[in-house]
Amino acid sequence: MVFNDETTTWDKLDSDESWAYCFLWWIKLDSKMSSESLEKDLQAYYAGLVGRNITRRKIDQSLVVPTITEFKETVTEKGDNKTYVGTIKMLDYMSLRPVTLHVRVYQMLCTKENKMAVFFAVSPQPQSYAIWGQFKMVREGFQCSK
């Protein structure tokens, strides 16, 4: 996966990378994070994303499905403070079909910077797909400080 506007394929419906991307929150170290807060925050974000796009693209409201998020804490991976897995069910406003996005969230404490790094990997593909290996490489390349 290449991260630039000319070659990314997250928005190409026929690609294994469709809706596949990763991002990082760099937040205060004392921020409280839980499965419930992830569900609430990501439901608000993705419902808003769908809402903006159905309006802008003039998509019929009857096609919209509720945006539903579910997360749980899972076995913590090496280097993480906490690890979560979850799903986001929503309207894929590009294909006009419901989609389920699989999400892994890695919480890392960066005490020297007084920050928490929260890395998100998102894809509708099962974790057996190559995209998850690419997400792993990006996550493992992150360092709190040098």
Protein backbone atom coordinates (compact mmCIF):
# COMPACT_ATOMS: atom_id res chain seq x y z
CA MET A 1 0.00 0.00 0.00
CA VAL A 2 1.42 3.35 -1.03
CA PHE A 3 0.21 6.39 0.89
CA ASN A 4 -0.17 9.15 -1.65
CA ASP A 5 -3.11 10.53 -3.59
CA GLU A 6 -1.94 9.26 -6.97
CA THR A 7 -1.66 5.55 -6.21
CA THR A 8 -3.93 4.72 -3.25
CA THR A 9 -6.76 2.39 -4.10
CA TRP A 10 -8.87 2.56 -0.93
CA ASP A 11 -11.69 4.12 -2.98
CA LYS A 12 -11.53 1.66 -5.91
CA LEU A 13 -14.42 -0.79 -5.57
CA ASP A 14 -12.64 -3.61 -7.44
CA SER A 15 -9.50 -3.45 -5.28
CA ASP A 16 -8.59 -5.61 -2.27
CA GLU A 17 -7.60 -2.29 -0.73
CA SER A 18 -11.10 -0.81 -1.04
CA TRP A 19 -11.93 0.94 2.26
CA ALA A 20 -8.52 -0.17 3.60
CA TYR A 21 -6.47 2.45 5.41
CA CYS A 22 -4.75 3.19 8.69
CA PHE A 23 -4.48 6.29 10.82
CA LEU A 24 -3.08 7.44 14.16
CA TRP A 25 -4.54 9.47 17.00
CA TRP A 26 -1.88 11.34 19.02
CA ILE A 27 -3.75 12.22 22.20
CA LYS A 28 -3.12 13.19 25.82
CA LEU A 29 -1.62 10.41 27.92
CA ASP A 30 -4.35 10.67 30.55
CA SER A 31 -7.16 10.21 27.99
CA LYS A 32 -9.56 7.43 28.91
CA MET A 33 -10.13 4.79 26.24
CA SER A 34 -12.37 1.75 26.39
CA SER A 35 -14.38 -0.45 24.07
CA GLU A 36 -17.40 1.73 24.83
CA SER A 37 -15.62 5.01 24.06
CA LEU A 38 -14.27 3.59 20.78
CA GLU A 39 -17.79 2.48 19.81
CA LYS A 40 -19.21 5.93 20.59
CA ASP A 41 -16.45 7.96 18.91
CA LEU A 42 -16.22 5.82 15.76
CA GLN A 43 -20.01 5.55 15.40
CA ALA A 44 -20.23 9.36 15.47
CA TYR A 45 -17.37 9.72 12.97
CA TYR A 46 -18.58 7.14 10.44
CA ALA A 47 -22.25 8.14 10.72
CA GLY A 48 -21.14 11.70 10.00
CA LEU A 49 -18.98 10.53 7.10
CA VAL A 50 -21.90 8.67 5.54
CA GLY A 51 -24.26 11.58 6.23
CA ARG A 52 -22.00 14.11 4.51
CA ASN A 53 -21.49 11.87 1.51
CA ILE A 54 -25.12 10.90 0.96
CA THR A 55 -26.02 14.59 1.00
CA ARG A 56 -23.18 15.64 -1.30
CA ARG A 57 -23.80 12.75 -3.71
CA LYS A 58 -27.60 13.09 -3.54
CA ILE A 59 -28.03 9.43 -2.47
CA ASP A 60 -31.56 8.25 -1.76
CA GLN A 61 -32.15 8.09 2.01
CA SER A 62 -33.87 4.69 1.62
CA LEU A 63 -30.44 3.14 0.89
CA VAL A 64 -28.93 4.29 4.18
CA VAL A 65 -28.38 1.63 6.84
CA PRO A 66 -27.69 2.47 10.48
CA THR A 67 -24.03 2.88 11.36
CA ILE A 68 -23.29 0.29 14.05
CA THR A 69 -19.97 -0.12 15.85
CA GLU A 70 -18.87 -2.96 18.12
CA PHE A 71 -15.51 -3.23 19.89
CA LYS A 72 -13.91 -5.41 22.52
CA GLU A 73 -10.54 -5.51 24.19
CA THR A 74 -8.46 -8.45 23.00
CA VAL A 75 -5.08 -10.00 23.72
CA THR A 76 -2.59 -7.18 23.91
CA GLU A 77 0.06 -7.35 21.23
CA LYS A 78 3.77 -6.76 21.84
CA GLY A 79 4.54 -3.11 22.47
CA ASP A 80 0.93 -2.13 23.11
CA ASN A 81 -0.76 -1.03 26.29
CA LYS A 82 -4.12 -2.31 25.03
CA THR A 83 -5.41 -3.81 21.80
CA TYR A 84 -9.02 -3.75 20.58
CA VAL A 85 -10.84 -5.45 17.71
CA GLY A 86 -14.15 -4.43 16.27
CA THR A 87 -16.41 -3.78 13.35
CA ILE A 88 -18.13 -0.82 11.78
CA LYS A 89 -21.28 -1.60 9.80
CA MET A 90 -22.34 1.22 7.53
CA LEU A 91 -23.40 2.24 4.03
CA ASP A 92 -20.58 2.15 1.50
CA TYR A 93 -21.68 5.37 -0.20
CA MET A 94 -19.48 4.58 -3.21
CA SER A 95 -21.04 1.18 -4.04
CA LEU A 96 -24.42 2.01 -2.44
CA ARG A 97 -24.29 -1.27 -0.48
CA PRO A 98 -23.83 -2.05 3.20
CA VAL A 99 -20.25 -2.81 4.22
CA THR A 100 -18.62 -4.19 7.35
CA LEU A 101 -15.23 -2.73 8.14
CA HIS A 102 -12.93 -4.79 10.37
CA VAL A 103 -10.86 -2.66 12.73
CA ARG A 104 -7.84 -3.29 14.95
CA VAL A 105 -6.87 -0.59 17.42
CA TYR A 106 -3.47 -0.53 19.10
CA GLN A 107 -2.97 1.75 22.11
CA MET A 108 0.65 2.66 22.89
CA LEU A 109 1.76 4.80 25.83
CA CYS A 110 4.40 7.37 24.98
CA THR A 111 5.24 8.58 28.49
CA LYS A 112 8.28 10.64 27.48
CA GLU A 113 6.02 12.76 25.24
CA ASN A 114 3.09 12.62 27.70
CA LYS A 115 1.00 11.23 24.81
CA MET A 116 -0.91 8.15 23.82
CA ALA A 117 -0.55 6.86 20.27
CA VAL A 118 -3.65 5.06 19.04
CA PHE A 119 -3.10 3.27 15.74
CA PHE A 120 -6.13 2.17 13.71
CA ALA A 121 -6.11 -0.38 10.88
CA VAL A 122 -9.35 -0.59 8.86
CA SER A 123 -10.40 -2.95 6.06
CA PRO A 124 -13.46 -4.90 4.94
CA GLN A 125 -11.09 -7.77 4.12
CA PRO A 126 -10.51 -10.70 6.51
CA GLN A 127 -7.23 -10.62 8.41
CA SER A 128 -5.84 -13.31 6.11
CA TYR A 129 -5.50 -10.70 3.32
CA ALA A 130 -2.14 -9.10 2.52
CA ILE A 131 -3.36 -5.63 3.50
CA TRP A 132 -3.17 -6.61 7.19
CA GLY A 133 0.51 -7.44 6.80
CA GLN A 134 1.04 -3.99 5.34
CA PHE A 135 -0.80 -2.41 8.27
CA LYS A 136 1.45 -4.39 10.63
CA MET A 137 4.57 -3.03 8.92
CA VAL A 138 3.30 0.55 9.24
CA ARG A 139 2.38 0.06 12.93
CA GLU A 140 5.70 -1.58 13.76
CA GLY A 141 7.48 1.34 12.07
CA PHE A 142 5.97 3.79 14.54
CA GLN A 143 8.15 4.82 17.49
CA CYS A 144 7.13 7.12 20.31
CA SER A 145 10.54 8.78 20.33
CA LYS A 146 13.94 8.18 18.86
